[in-house]
Amino acid sequence: MTNSLVETLIGAIVIAVAGAFLFYAYSTAGMPAKSGYELFALFNRVDGIAVGADVRIAGIKVGSVTSLGLDQKRYQAKVQMNIAQGYQVPDDSQVRVATEGLLGSSYLAIQPGGSETNLPPGGEIEFTQGTIDLFGLISQAIFAMGGKKGDSDTPNAPAPTTP
């Protein structure tokens, strides 16, 4: 009987510790409550953005991405975001996809505009900059430089001389 009682007490302690760990993890995970208001923006590309990604103003988290989809009319990526209560976004603001360093995670960075009119709930941030295709830019630079040196087909090359 005492063996069973000890096992029961140890099991209760393990469950209490697991519950405390789950509560701590949930409270520090940065998962915003659904209190706030929704905004959306259309992008040409949103590589690296996922549901739950941060929305930041001046590096401070003010919301998170709540859904990603494709706008059927314009064939652009539609990003829905929840902005926490207490933060207002001017209607001439711009949003861009940014990363935390070279290999960091992606987030949305809002650059507030100077308008005194704020976006209403459900409003659209019109000025956007999507993901930059870094490998495409590098390959364009390499191929653009590749044909310039020593190419005899260039119009400014001197004519060959005959002896």
Protein backbone atom coordinates (compact mmCIF):
# COMPACT_ATOMS: atom_id res chain seq x y z
CA MET A 1 0.00 0.00 0.00
CA THR A 2 2.81 2.45 0.80
CA ASN A 3 4.47 1.66 -2.54
CA SER A 4 1.25 2.58 -4.36
CA LEU A 5 0.92 5.80 -2.38
CA VAL A 6 4.50 6.88 -3.22
CA GLU A 7 3.92 6.16 -6.93
CA THR A 8 0.71 8.19 -6.87
CA LEU A 9 2.44 11.16 -5.20
CA ILE A 10 5.32 11.05 -7.70
CA GLY A 11 2.83 10.91 -10.58
CA ALA A 12 0.93 13.91 -9.19
CA ILE A 13 4.18 15.87 -8.87
CA VAL A 14 5.16 15.02 -12.46
CA ILE A 15 1.75 16.15 -13.75
CA ALA A 16 1.96 19.39 -11.73
CA VAL A 17 5.44 20.16 -13.08
CA ALA A 18 4.30 19.40 -16.65
CA GLY A 19 1.28 21.69 -16.19
CA ALA A 20 3.49 24.49 -14.86
CA PHE A 21 5.84 24.04 -17.83
CA LEU A 22 2.95 24.24 -20.32
CA PHE A 23 1.59 27.36 -18.63
CA TYR A 24 5.04 28.99 -18.73
CA ALA A 25 5.57 28.03 -22.39
CA TYR A 26 2.18 29.41 -23.42
CA SER A 27 2.62 32.68 -21.53
CA THR A 28 6.12 33.39 -22.92
CA ALA A 29 5.59 32.15 -26.49
CA GLY A 30 4.50 35.60 -27.62
CA MET A 31 1.26 34.30 -29.07
CA PRO A 32 -0.98 37.33 -29.12
CA ALA A 33 -4.54 37.06 -28.04
CA LYS A 34 -7.11 37.86 -30.68
CA SER A 35 -7.64 41.26 -29.12
CA GLY A 36 -6.73 43.82 -31.71
CA TYR A 37 -7.79 44.55 -35.24
CA GLU A 38 -7.13 42.99 -38.63
CA LEU A 39 -5.29 44.60 -41.55
CA PHE A 40 -4.22 43.07 -44.84
CA ALA A 41 -1.70 43.74 -47.59
CA LEU A 42 -1.04 42.34 -51.06
CA PHE A 43 2.50 41.35 -52.05
CA ASN A 44 4.13 40.07 -55.23
CA ARG A 45 6.14 37.52 -53.16
CA VAL A 46 6.10 36.51 -49.49
CA ASP A 47 8.79 33.81 -49.36
CA GLY A 48 9.67 32.97 -45.76
CA ILE A 49 6.55 34.49 -44.18
CA ALA A 50 4.39 32.02 -42.26
CA VAL A 51 1.30 32.25 -40.10
CA GLY A 52 2.46 33.50 -36.71
CA ALA A 53 5.33 35.61 -38.11
CA ASP A 54 5.92 38.91 -36.34
CA VAL A 55 4.62 42.27 -37.53
CA ARG A 56 6.96 45.01 -36.29
CA ILE A 57 7.14 48.78 -36.23
CA ALA A 58 10.62 50.18 -35.52
CA GLY A 59 11.72 46.68 -34.47
CA ILE A 60 8.97 46.36 -31.84
CA LYS A 61 6.45 43.54 -32.23
CA VAL A 62 2.97 45.02 -32.65
CA GLY A 63 1.15 42.04 -34.13
CA SER A 64 1.40 38.80 -36.03
CA VAL A 65 0.44 37.25 -39.35
CA THR A 66 -2.89 35.43 -39.06
CA SER A 67 -3.37 34.04 -42.57
CA LEU A 68 -1.81 33.78 -46.02
CA GLY A 69 -3.70 33.33 -49.25
CA LEU A 70 -3.86 34.19 -52.92
CA ASP A 71 -5.98 37.10 -54.13
CA GLN A 72 -7.89 35.57 -57.06
CA LYS A 73 -8.43 38.91 -58.82
CA ARG A 74 -4.87 40.28 -58.78
CA TYR A 75 -2.91 37.01 -58.37
CA GLN A 76 -0.90 38.37 -55.50
CA ALA A 77 -0.20 36.99 -52.04
CA LYS A 78 -2.72 38.29 -49.51
CA VAL A 79 -1.36 38.56 -45.97
CA GLN A 80 -3.79 39.06 -43.10
CA MET A 81 -2.32 40.43 -39.88
CA ASN A 82 -3.61 41.14 -36.39
CA ILE A 83 -2.40 44.42 -34.88
CA ALA A 84 -2.57 44.65 -31.08
CA GLN A 85 -4.85 47.18 -29.41
CA GLY A 86 -3.14 50.46 -28.69
CA TYR A 87 -1.16 50.57 -31.95
CA GLN A 88 -2.47 52.58 -34.88
CA VAL A 89 -1.16 52.36 -38.43
CA PRO A 90 -1.41 55.52 -40.60
CA ASP A 91 -3.15 54.96 -43.94
CA ASP A 92 -0.07 55.94 -45.98
CA SER A 93 2.22 53.41 -44.26
CA GLN A 94 4.24 50.85 -46.14
CA VAL A 95 5.03 47.25 -45.25
CA ARG A 96 7.88 45.07 -46.44
CA VAL A 97 9.14 41.56 -45.92
CA ALA A 98 12.31 41.74 -43.84
CA THR A 99 14.68 39.17 -42.35
CA GLU A 100 16.68 38.97 -39.14
CA GLY A 101 20.15 38.87 -40.65
CA LEU A 102 21.35 36.70 -43.51
CA LEU A 103 19.91 33.43 -42.24
CA GLY A 104 17.29 34.76 -39.83
CA SER A 105 13.54 34.33 -39.91
CA SER A 106 11.29 36.60 -41.95
CA TYR A 107 8.84 39.14 -40.54
CA LEU A 108 6.75 42.07 -41.76
CA ALA A 109 8.18 45.52 -41.09
CA ILE A 110 5.72 48.42 -41.17
CA GLN A 111 7.15 51.86 -41.93
CA PRO A 112 4.55 54.34 -40.62
CA GLY A 113 3.57 57.20 -42.90
CA GLY A 114 2.94 60.79 -41.96
CA SER A 115 -0.84 60.84 -42.40
CA GLU A 116 -3.04 61.72 -39.46
CA THR A 117 -5.70 59.30 -40.70
CA ASN A 118 -5.28 55.73 -39.45
CA LEU A 119 -6.30 52.54 -41.22
CA PRO A 120 -9.65 51.19 -40.02
CA PRO A 121 -10.08 47.55 -38.96
CA GLY A 122 -10.08 45.42 -42.11
CA GLY A 123 -8.14 48.10 -44.01
CA GLU A 124 -5.45 47.52 -46.61
CA ILE A 125 -1.85 48.67 -46.46
CA GLU A 126 -1.39 49.66 -50.10
CA PHE A 127 2.36 50.24 -50.30
CA THR A 128 4.19 46.92 -50.11
CA GLN A 129 7.58 45.45 -50.93
CA GLY A 130 7.75 41.68 -51.18
CA THR A 131 10.65 39.30 -50.84
CA ILE A 132 13.75 40.10 -52.87
CA ASP A 133 15.08 37.14 -54.87
CA LEU A 134 18.71 37.30 -53.77
CA PHE A 135 19.89 34.41 -55.94
CA GLY A 136 18.22 35.97 -58.99
CA LEU A 137 20.00 39.27 -58.36
CA ILE A 138 23.36 37.54 -57.96
CA SER A 139 22.91 35.51 -61.15
CA GLN A 140 21.91 38.63 -63.10
CA ALA A 141 25.03 40.41 -61.87
CA ILE A 142 27.25 37.48 -62.81
CA PHE A 143 25.75 37.06 -66.27
CA ALA A 144 25.80 40.82 -66.89
CA MET A 145 29.53 40.94 -66.14
CA GLY A 146 30.32 37.70 -67.97
CA GLY A 147 30.03 38.97 -71.56
CA LYS A 148 31.83 42.32 -71.17
CA LYS A 149 35.55 41.47 -71.01
CA GLY A 150 37.36 40.31 -74.14
CA ASP A 151 34.20 39.83 -76.18
CA SER A 152 34.96 40.67 -79.81
CA ASP A 153 31.27 41.06 -80.66
CA THR A 154 30.87 44.22 -78.63
CA PRO A 155 30.32 47.34 -80.79
CA ASN A 156 33.15 49.33 -79.16
CA ALA A 157 35.80 46.66 -79.67
CA PRO A 158 38.69 47.64 -81.96
CA ALA A 159 38.70 46.06 -85.38
CA PRO A 160 41.17 43.20 -85.83
CA THR A 161 44.32 44.16 -87.74
CA THR A 162 45.82 42.07 -90.54
CA PRO A 163 49.60 41.96 -91.14
